[in-house]
Amino acid sequence: GLNDCAFVVRDAAVCELLAPPQSDQSPSNGASMAKLPNDNNDKATKQKHETNIPNPNQIQAVAIASFSDNNQVWCAVSRYNKTLSIYRIATSETLSASISPMTVHKTVKRVLCLAFASVPSENSSSPPLHVVISGDLIGDATAHSLSDASRSRVLLGHTASMLTGLNVANHHLLTCDRDEKIRVSSFPQTFVIEGYLLGHEAFITSMDVARHFCVCVSCSGDATVRLWNYKDYQELGRFHTTRGLATRVAISPSGHHVVVLYDQSRTVDVLTTNGGTCLELLTSFECKSQPLSVKFVSDECMLVLKGEAEYMVEVKLDKKSTLFNDSRTVLAIRQVACSRNIVMPTSILETDERTGQLKLEKEAESRGAKADVLPWMKSDRIQTAKEASKRRDKRRRKNDDF
């Protein structure tokens, strides 16, 4: 996804994933538009409000997957106007210049993260049910049908805490939020909470899961990147960042390497896990523009999404060095983006227009406790709750005696 444009590349051919038509973007489910002043003479105030209205087609999250039981590629794109578009591309057909969404879901809140998953059928002879799972601003993870816009089901909630990432791996659904925790739930029985990965002291900005092992990595506002075994709920390693706020992490399929991106920094750190025992800096490299996202395509190769001029670069790891490679995919994306003069954001973090604080920070909340209070973490509150529980048990036993 490049700002408000989404593309799929295959064999150097580029296909644009078109935004849903305006008829599918109803006001009740679309972007909330700021009310403009009634005074037509106050042009300055009116222009200020207009500039604060985000692009309704701005992309919030993307996902792509292919399933072994069909010859199709599925793509999902969520936008600021609270639409979730599903696209189907046949692998046997020539890639067209553009494609319209097959299904458009209208979500209650903006979707910030996406992942495809398969739900096994109760009948072994029937194919599994394929769904796309979304994580939104109010902490709900919802499964959406790929072909029916009326079929969606809430899988779990994070007590109104913004979801910042989710992954499905090894019959687990991992979800992270801005309340410093990663929740490990069973999948598809998501009502079963298997455990939590606890240790971060601030909001979690990103999480990624190794494809072949029960290992995941996360980064947080507490200036740490942490490696976890999500099956045993244990922290395996920790890396303290010094370049600023880490915004994105990615882990290789084998779990040997971790890549970290930072806000307002063009430096990218590559870490080694030393066989899943710790996190250590392996090497670093500089980008010509602000890196925004990263994803491994193999154990030794990654794609980095960046700002204008280059837009995307392929980086290959060679022991402790990095090699930049302009592959056919990268060149195709760069050519389309340059021809359209797409303007990329300088940061993926959202800030409050009034205070200038990050929306992930609890100080930006207008309701509830502030981050420096955290009453649910206070030992005296926990002790008070224990004493109250003892008194209730005592009264209950006394009533039973009568």
Protein backbone atom coordinates (compact mmCIF):
# COMPACT_ATOMS: atom_id res chain seq x y z
CA GLY A 1 0.00 0.00 0.00
CA LEU A 2 1.30 3.43 -1.04
CA ASN A 3 -0.66 6.14 0.79
CA ASP A 4 -4.13 5.73 -0.79
CA CYS A 5 -3.11 3.34 -3.60
CA ALA A 6 -2.75 -0.44 -3.32
CA PHE A 7 -0.93 -2.64 -5.83
CA VAL A 8 -0.13 -6.29 -6.48
CA VAL A 9 2.97 -7.22 -8.48
CA ARG A 10 3.54 -10.51 -10.31
CA ASP A 11 6.35 -11.10 -12.83
CA ALA A 12 6.95 -7.33 -13.10
CA ALA A 13 3.28 -6.77 -13.99
CA VAL A 14 1.47 -4.32 -11.70
CA CYS A 15 -2.24 -4.55 -10.85
CA GLU A 16 -3.94 -1.76 -8.92
CA LEU A 17 -6.44 -2.74 -6.23
CA LEU A 18 -9.14 -0.13 -6.73
CA ALA A 19 -10.88 1.54 -3.82
CA PRO A 20 -14.56 0.64 -3.34
CA PRO A 21 -17.05 2.93 -5.12
CA GLN A 22 -18.58 5.81 -3.19
CA SER A 23 -21.90 3.96 -2.95
CA ASP A 24 -20.17 1.44 -0.66
CA GLN A 25 -18.95 4.21 1.66
CA SER A 26 -22.07 5.24 3.55
CA PRO A 27 -21.84 8.17 5.99
CA SER A 28 -22.77 5.95 8.94
CA ASN A 29 -19.82 3.67 8.32
CA GLY A 30 -17.51 6.00 6.44
CA ALA A 31 -14.94 8.45 7.69
CA SER A 32 -16.21 10.86 10.29
CA MET A 33 -16.11 14.29 8.69
CA ALA A 34 -15.38 17.29 10.87
CA LYS A 35 -18.17 19.86 11.08
CA LEU A 36 -17.27 23.08 9.35
CA PRO A 37 -18.22 26.50 10.68
CA ASN A 38 -21.49 27.99 9.43
CA ASP A 39 -19.90 31.41 8.97
CA ASN A 40 -18.87 31.55 5.33
CA ASN A 41 -16.81 34.65 6.01
CA ASP A 42 -14.47 32.79 8.31
CA LYS A 43 -12.42 31.31 5.48
CA ALA A 44 -9.30 30.77 7.54
CA THR A 45 -11.12 28.61 10.10
CA LYS A 46 -12.85 26.69 7.33
CA GLN A 47 -9.59 25.94 5.54
CA LYS A 48 -8.04 24.77 8.83
CA HIS A 49 -10.86 22.26 9.35
CA GLU A 50 -10.64 21.06 5.76
CA THR A 51 -6.94 20.35 6.02
CA ASN A 52 -7.55 18.28 9.18
CA ILE A 53 -9.88 15.89 7.35
CA PRO A 54 -7.80 12.81 6.35
CA ASN A 55 -8.08 11.24 2.93
CA PRO A 56 -10.96 8.72 3.24
CA ASN A 57 -9.13 6.27 0.97
CA GLN A 58 -5.91 6.38 2.98
CA ILE A 59 -4.71 2.81 3.53
CA GLN A 60 -4.52 1.59 7.13
CA ALA A 61 -3.49 -2.06 6.64
CA VAL A 62 -2.93 -4.65 3.90
CA ALA A 63 -2.65 -8.44 3.78
CA ILE A 64 -2.11 -11.06 1.08
CA ALA A 65 -2.40 -14.86 1.12
CA SER A 66 -2.78 -17.93 -1.07
CA PHE A 67 -4.35 -21.19 0.05
CA SER A 68 -3.37 -24.72 -0.97
CA ASP A 69 -6.94 -25.78 -1.83
CA ASN A 70 -7.38 -23.22 -4.65
CA ASN A 71 -5.34 -21.46 -7.31
CA GLN A 72 -6.12 -17.95 -6.19
CA VAL A 73 -4.41 -15.08 -4.41
CA TRP A 74 -6.46 -13.12 -1.89
CA CYS A 75 -5.74 -9.52 -0.90
CA ALA A 76 -7.32 -7.39 1.81
CA VAL A 77 -7.08 -3.60 2.15
CA SER A 78 -8.52 -1.50 4.98
CA ARG A 79 -8.95 2.25 4.53
CA TYR A 80 -9.60 5.29 6.69
CA ASN A 81 -13.28 5.35 5.65
CA LYS A 82 -13.85 2.12 7.64
CA THR A 83 -14.08 -0.14 4.60
CA LEU A 84 -12.38 -3.52 4.32
CA SER A 85 -12.03 -4.58 0.68
CA ILE A 86 -11.38 -8.18 -0.39
CA TYR A 87 -9.81 -8.91 -3.79
CA ARG A 88 -9.44 -12.25 -5.61
CA ILE A 89 -6.78 -12.83 -8.26
CA ALA A 90 -6.60 -16.08 -10.22
CA THR A 91 -3.02 -17.32 -10.57
CA SER A 92 -3.79 -18.94 -13.93
CA GLU A 93 -4.94 -15.68 -15.54
CA THR A 94 -2.93 -12.76 -16.85
CA LEU A 95 -2.70 -9.94 -14.32
CA SER A 96 -4.94 -7.06 -15.37
CA ALA A 97 -4.08 -3.37 -14.96
CA SER A 98 -6.65 -2.93 -12.18
CA ILE A 99 -9.24 -4.91 -10.27
CA SER A 100 -12.29 -3.93 -8.24
CA PRO A 101 -13.02 -5.45 -4.82
CA MET A 102 -15.04 -8.66 -4.81
CA THR A 103 -16.37 -8.01 -1.30
CA VAL A 104 -16.54 -4.82 0.77
CA HIS A 105 -17.09 -5.01 4.53
CA LYS A 106 -18.15 -1.86 6.40
CA THR A 107 -16.54 -1.97 9.81
CA VAL A 108 -17.65 -0.26 13.01
CA LYS A 109 -14.22 1.26 13.66
CA ARG A 110 -11.07 1.75 11.63
CA VAL A 111 -9.10 -1.44 11.04
CA LEU A 112 -5.39 -1.13 11.92
CA CYS A 113 -4.10 -4.66 11.27
CA LEU A 114 -5.07 -7.66 9.10
CA ALA A 115 -4.24 -11.36 8.75
CA PHE A 116 -5.68 -14.21 6.69
CA ALA A 117 -6.55 -17.51 8.35
CA SER A 118 -8.22 -20.86 7.65
CA VAL A 119 -10.86 -22.42 9.90
CA PRO A 120 -10.93 -26.26 9.67
CA SER A 121 -14.24 -27.78 8.63
CA GLU A 122 -16.11 -30.12 10.99
CA ASN A 123 -16.41 -32.50 8.07
CA SER A 124 -12.97 -33.77 7.08
CA SER A 125 -14.05 -34.12 3.46
CA SER A 126 -15.01 -30.43 3.19
CA PRO A 127 -12.47 -27.68 2.50
CA PRO A 128 -11.61 -25.24 5.30
CA LEU A 129 -13.27 -21.87 5.62
CA HIS A 130 -10.95 -19.02 4.68
CA VAL A 131 -11.40 -15.69 6.47
CA VAL A 132 -9.57 -12.42 7.00
CA ILE A 133 -9.18 -11.25 10.61
CA SER A 134 -9.10 -7.55 11.44
CA GLY A 135 -7.98 -5.65 14.54
CA ASP A 136 -9.55 -2.25 15.17
CA LEU A 137 -9.36 0.89 17.28
CA ILE A 138 -11.59 -0.43 20.07
CA GLY A 139 -9.66 -3.66 20.57
CA ASP A 140 -11.89 -6.14 18.73
CA ALA A 141 -10.56 -8.91 16.50
CA THR A 142 -13.20 -9.81 13.92
CA ALA A 143 -13.33 -12.59 11.31
CA HIS A 144 -14.78 -11.56 7.94
CA SER A 145 -16.02 -13.76 5.13
CA LEU A 146 -14.10 -13.47 1.87
CA SER A 147 -17.21 -13.69 -0.31
CA ASP A 148 -20.16 -12.47 1.77
CA ALA A 149 -20.14 -8.88 3.06
CA SER A 150 -22.93 -9.68 5.55
CA ARG A 151 -20.95 -12.36 7.39
CA SER A 152 -18.61 -11.20 10.15
CA ARG A 153 -17.99 -12.47 13.66
CA VAL A 154 -16.22 -10.88 16.62
CA LEU A 155 -13.59 -13.32 17.89
CA LEU A 156 -12.26 -11.48 20.95
CA GLY A 157 -11.89 -8.07 22.56
CA HIS A 158 -9.11 -6.27 24.44
CA THR A 159 -11.29 -4.30 26.87
CA ALA A 160 -11.48 -1.23 24.62
CA SER A 161 -7.70 -1.08 24.11
CA MET A 162 -6.50 -0.26 20.61
CA LEU A 163 -5.12 -3.31 18.76
CA THR A 164 -1.75 -2.60 17.16
CA GLY A 165 -1.04 -6.02 15.62
CA LEU A 166 -2.29 -9.57 15.13
CA ASN A 167 -0.96 -12.82 13.70
CA VAL A 168 -2.31 -16.34 13.23
CA ALA A 169 0.22 -19.16 13.59
CA ASN A 170 0.28 -22.77 14.82
CA HIS A 171 -3.38 -22.75 15.94
CA HIS A 172 -2.81 -19.55 17.92
CA LEU A 173 -4.13 -16.02 17.47
CA LEU A 174 -1.66 -13.45 18.82
CA THR A 175 -2.94 -9.91 19.42
CA CYS A 176 -1.04 -6.95 20.87
CA ASP A 177 -2.35 -3.62 22.10
CA ARG A 178 -1.33 -0.32 23.60
CA ASP A 179 -1.73 -1.72 27.14
CA GLU A 180 1.75 -3.31 27.10
CA LYS A 181 0.61 -6.91 26.59
CA ILE A 182 0.42 -9.62 23.93
CA ARG A 183 -2.51 -12.00 24.27
CA VAL A 184 -2.19 -15.61 23.08
CA SER A 185 -5.56 -17.17 22.25
CA SER A 186 -6.46 -20.53 20.80
CA PHE A 187 -7.60 -20.52 17.18
CA PRO A 188 -10.30 -20.97 16.04
CA GLN A 189 -11.60 -21.34 19.66
CA THR A 190 -10.59 -17.77 20.45
CA PHE A 191 -12.66 -17.71 23.66
CA VAL A 192 -9.85 -19.81 25.16
CA ILE A 193 -7.10 -17.49 26.42
CA GLU A 194 -3.97 -19.60 26.65
CA GLY A 195 -1.71 -16.95 28.15
CA TYR A 196 -0.08 -13.53 27.95
CA LEU A 197 3.36 -12.26 27.02
CA LEU A 198 4.05 -9.69 29.73
CA GLY A 199 7.05 -7.43 30.28
CA HIS A 200 6.70 -4.35 28.10
CA GLU A 201 6.25 -1.15 30.09
CA ALA A 202 4.64 0.97 27.35
CA PHE A 203 2.43 0.59 24.29
CA ILE A 204 3.38 -2.06 21.72
CA THR A 205 3.85 -0.60 18.24
CA SER A 206 4.47 -3.77 16.21
CA MET A 207 4.66 -7.56 16.39
CA ASP A 208 5.69 -10.32 13.98
CA VAL A 209 5.70 -14.13 14.16
CA ALA A 210 8.26 -16.59 12.79
CA ARG A 211 6.64 -18.83 10.22
CA HIS A 212 8.35 -22.07 11.19
CA PHE A 213 8.74 -21.81 14.97
CA CYS A 214 6.69 -20.72 18.03
CA VAL A 215 8.67 -17.50 18.29
CA CYS A 216 7.54 -13.90 17.92
CA VAL A 217 9.11 -10.46 18.26
CA SER A 218 7.67 -7.14 19.44
CA CYS A 219 8.74 -3.52 19.83
CA SER A 220 7.40 -0.95 22.25
CA GLY A 221 7.42 2.61 23.46
CA ASP A 222 9.61 1.46 26.36
CA ALA A 223 12.62 1.48 23.96
CA THR A 224 12.95 -2.31 23.82
CA VAL A 225 12.61 -5.03 21.21
CA ARG A 226 11.74 -8.39 22.77
CA LEU A 227 11.88 -11.97 21.56
CA TRP A 228 9.26 -14.38 22.91
CA ASN A 229 8.37 -18.05 22.94
CA TYR A 230 4.60 -17.71 22.69
CA LYS A 231 4.01 -21.39 23.44
CA ASP A 232 5.72 -21.22 26.85
CA TYR A 233 4.94 -17.48 27.37
CA GLN A 234 8.61 -16.78 28.07
CA GLU A 235 10.82 -13.85 27.09
CA LEU A 236 13.89 -15.17 25.26
CA GLY A 237 15.82 -11.98 24.61
CA ARG A 238 15.76 -8.20 24.82
CA PHE A 239 17.39 -5.43 22.79
CA HIS A 240 17.47 -1.83 24.06
CA THR A 241 17.01 0.69 21.26
CA THR A 242 18.93 3.98 21.16
CA ARG A 243 17.75 5.46 17.85
CA GLY A 244 14.27 6.53 18.98
CA LEU A 245 10.84 4.96 18.97
CA ALA A 246 10.75 1.60 17.17
CA THR A 247 7.73 1.50 14.86
CA ARG A 248 8.06 -1.79 12.96
CA VAL A 249 9.70 -5.17 13.52
CA ALA A 250 9.93 -8.20 11.27
CA ILE A 251 11.34 -11.67 11.93
CA SER A 252 12.64 -14.08 9.30
CA PRO A 253 10.69 -17.33 8.66
CA SER A 254 13.36 -19.38 10.47
CA GLY A 255 13.52 -16.90 13.34
CA HIS A 256 17.24 -16.20 12.88
CA HIS A 257 17.06 -12.48 12.07
CA VAL A 258 15.00 -9.50 13.26
CA VAL A 259 14.73 -6.13 11.49
CA VAL A 260 13.80 -2.93 13.36
CA LEU A 261 12.57 0.39 11.90
CA TYR A 262 12.48 3.66 13.85
CA ASP A 263 10.37 6.79 13.70
CA GLN A 264 12.16 9.84 12.24
CA SER A 265 15.28 7.77 11.51
CA ARG A 266 16.62 6.39 8.23
CA THR A 267 18.76 3.78 10.00
CA VAL A 268 17.58 0.16 9.96
CA ASP A 269 18.93 -2.31 12.52
CA VAL A 270 19.36 -6.02 11.79
CA LEU A 271 19.48 -8.23 14.88
CA THR A 272 20.43 -11.88 15.31
CA THR A 273 18.57 -14.20 17.65
CA ASN A 274 21.49 -16.64 18.04
CA GLY A 275 19.22 -19.62 17.64
CA GLY A 276 16.38 -18.09 19.66
CA THR A 277 18.38 -17.41 22.82
CA CYS A 278 18.91 -13.61 22.74
CA LEU A 279 18.80 -10.45 20.60
CA GLU A 280 22.07 -8.86 19.48
CA LEU A 281 22.88 -6.21 16.88
CA LEU A 282 24.26 -7.84 13.74
CA THR A 283 24.49 -4.87 11.35
CA SER A 284 22.78 -1.63 10.35
CA PHE A 285 22.16 0.15 7.05
CA GLU A 286 20.91 3.56 5.93
CA CYS A 287 17.96 4.31 3.66
CA LYS A 288 17.74 7.34 1.37
CA SER A 289 14.28 8.17 2.72
CA GLN A 290 12.22 7.34 5.81
CA PRO A 291 11.56 3.57 6.07
CA LEU A 292 7.90 2.88 6.90
CA SER A 293 7.42 -0.88 6.83
CA VAL A 294 9.41 -4.08 6.33
CA LYS A 295 8.67 -7.72 5.54
CA PHE A 296 10.85 -10.78 5.01
CA VAL A 297 10.24 -12.66 1.75
CA SER A 298 12.82 -15.32 2.66
CA ASP A 299 15.38 -15.95 5.39
CA GLU A 300 17.97 -13.76 3.69
CA CYS A 301 15.85 -11.25 1.80
CA MET A 302 13.46 -8.48 2.84
CA LEU A 303 11.41 -5.70 1.25
CA VAL A 304 11.51 -2.23 2.84
CA LEU A 305 8.74 0.27 2.07
CA LYS A 306 10.06 3.85 2.11
CA GLY A 307 9.27 7.42 1.20
CA GLU A 308 9.44 9.14 -2.17
CA ALA A 309 12.16 8.72 -4.77
CA GLU A 310 12.73 5.00 -4.12
CA TYR A 311 9.44 3.91 -2.47
CA MET A 312 10.68 0.34 -2.05
CA VAL A 313 13.99 -1.47 -1.90
CA GLU A 314 15.00 -5.13 -1.68
CA VAL A 315 17.73 -5.88 0.85
CA LYS A 316 19.67 -9.13 1.03
CA LEU A 317 21.61 -10.24 4.09
CA ASP A 318 25.11 -11.60 3.51
CA LYS A 319 26.57 -12.62 6.87
CA LYS A 320 27.18 -9.23 8.54
CA SER A 321 26.68 -7.07 5.43
CA THR A 322 23.65 -5.98 3.43
CA LEU A 323 23.22 -5.82 -0.34
CA PHE A 324 20.68 -3.59 -2.08
CA ASN A 325 19.03 -5.21 -5.08
CA ASP A 326 16.63 -3.58 -7.55
CA SER A 327 14.52 -6.63 -8.40
CA ARG A 328 11.79 -6.66 -11.04
CA THR A 329 9.15 -6.25 -8.34
CA VAL A 330 10.87 -3.20 -6.85
CA LEU A 331 11.42 -1.57 -10.23
CA ALA A 332 7.80 -2.13 -11.25
CA ILE A 333 6.43 -0.55 -8.05
CA ARG A 334 8.88 2.34 -8.27
CA GLN A 335 7.94 3.09 -11.87
CA VAL A 336 4.21 3.22 -11.10
CA ALA A 337 4.67 5.30 -7.96
CA CYS A 338 6.93 7.81 -9.68
CA SER A 339 4.60 8.16 -12.65
CA ARG A 340 1.74 9.04 -10.29
CA ASN A 341 3.91 11.17 -8.02
CA ILE A 342 2.53 9.42 -4.93
CA VAL A 343 3.31 11.31 -1.73
CA MET A 344 4.22 9.03 1.17
CA PRO A 345 3.75 9.88 4.87
CA THR A 346 6.80 10.75 6.93
CA SER A 347 5.59 8.65 9.87
CA ILE A 348 3.14 5.81 10.47
CA LEU A 349 2.32 7.05 13.97
CA GLU A 350 -0.85 9.08 14.52
CA THR A 351 -0.81 12.15 16.76
CA ASP A 352 -3.59 14.01 18.51
CA GLU A 353 -4.38 17.25 16.67
CA ARG A 354 -4.99 19.16 19.92
CA THR A 355 -2.13 18.00 22.10
CA GLY A 356 0.40 16.75 19.54
CA GLN A 357 0.86 13.55 21.58
CA LEU A 358 0.91 10.08 20.10
CA LYS A 359 -2.52 8.46 20.10
CA LEU A 360 -0.87 5.32 21.43
CA GLU A 361 0.15 7.15 24.59
CA LYS A 362 -2.37 7.00 27.40
CA GLU A 363 -1.80 10.67 28.24
CA ALA A 364 -3.74 11.44 25.07
CA GLU A 365 -6.86 9.79 26.49
CA SER A 366 -9.69 12.11 27.54
CA ARG A 367 -11.21 9.42 29.74
CA GLY A 368 -9.89 6.92 32.26
CA ALA A 369 -6.60 6.88 34.12
CA LYS A 370 -3.42 8.54 32.92
CA ALA A 371 -0.37 6.49 32.09
CA ASP A 372 1.53 7.65 35.16
CA VAL A 373 -1.31 6.49 37.40
CA LEU A 374 -2.01 2.94 36.19
CA PRO A 375 -4.26 2.00 39.13
CA TRP A 376 -4.54 -1.61 37.99
CA MET A 377 -0.79 -1.97 38.57
CA LYS A 378 -0.76 -0.49 42.12
CA SER A 379 0.12 -2.99 44.83
CA ASP A 380 -2.15 -1.28 47.39
CA ARG A 381 -5.14 -1.70 45.12
CA ILE A 382 -4.33 -5.37 44.63
CA GLN A 383 -4.01 -5.83 48.41
CA THR A 384 -7.33 -4.06 48.98
CA ALA A 385 -9.02 -6.37 46.50
CA LYS A 386 -7.58 -9.44 48.26
CA GLU A 387 -8.82 -8.26 51.65
CA ALA A 388 -12.28 -7.55 50.24
CA SER A 389 -12.35 -11.05 48.75
CA LYS A 390 -11.42 -12.55 52.15
CA ARG A 391 -14.25 -10.63 53.86
CA ARG A 392 -16.76 -11.87 51.29
CA ASP A 393 -15.59 -15.45 51.76
CA LYS A 394 -15.87 -15.07 55.54
CA ARG A 395 -19.44 -13.76 55.30
CA ARG A 396 -20.36 -16.55 52.91
CA ARG A 397 -19.05 -19.23 55.29
CA LYS A 398 -20.88 -17.58 58.19
CA ASN A 399 -24.17 -17.65 56.27
CA ASP A 400 -23.62 -21.28 55.36
CA ASP A 401 -23.29 -22.16 59.07
CA PHE A 402 -26.80 -20.83 59.71
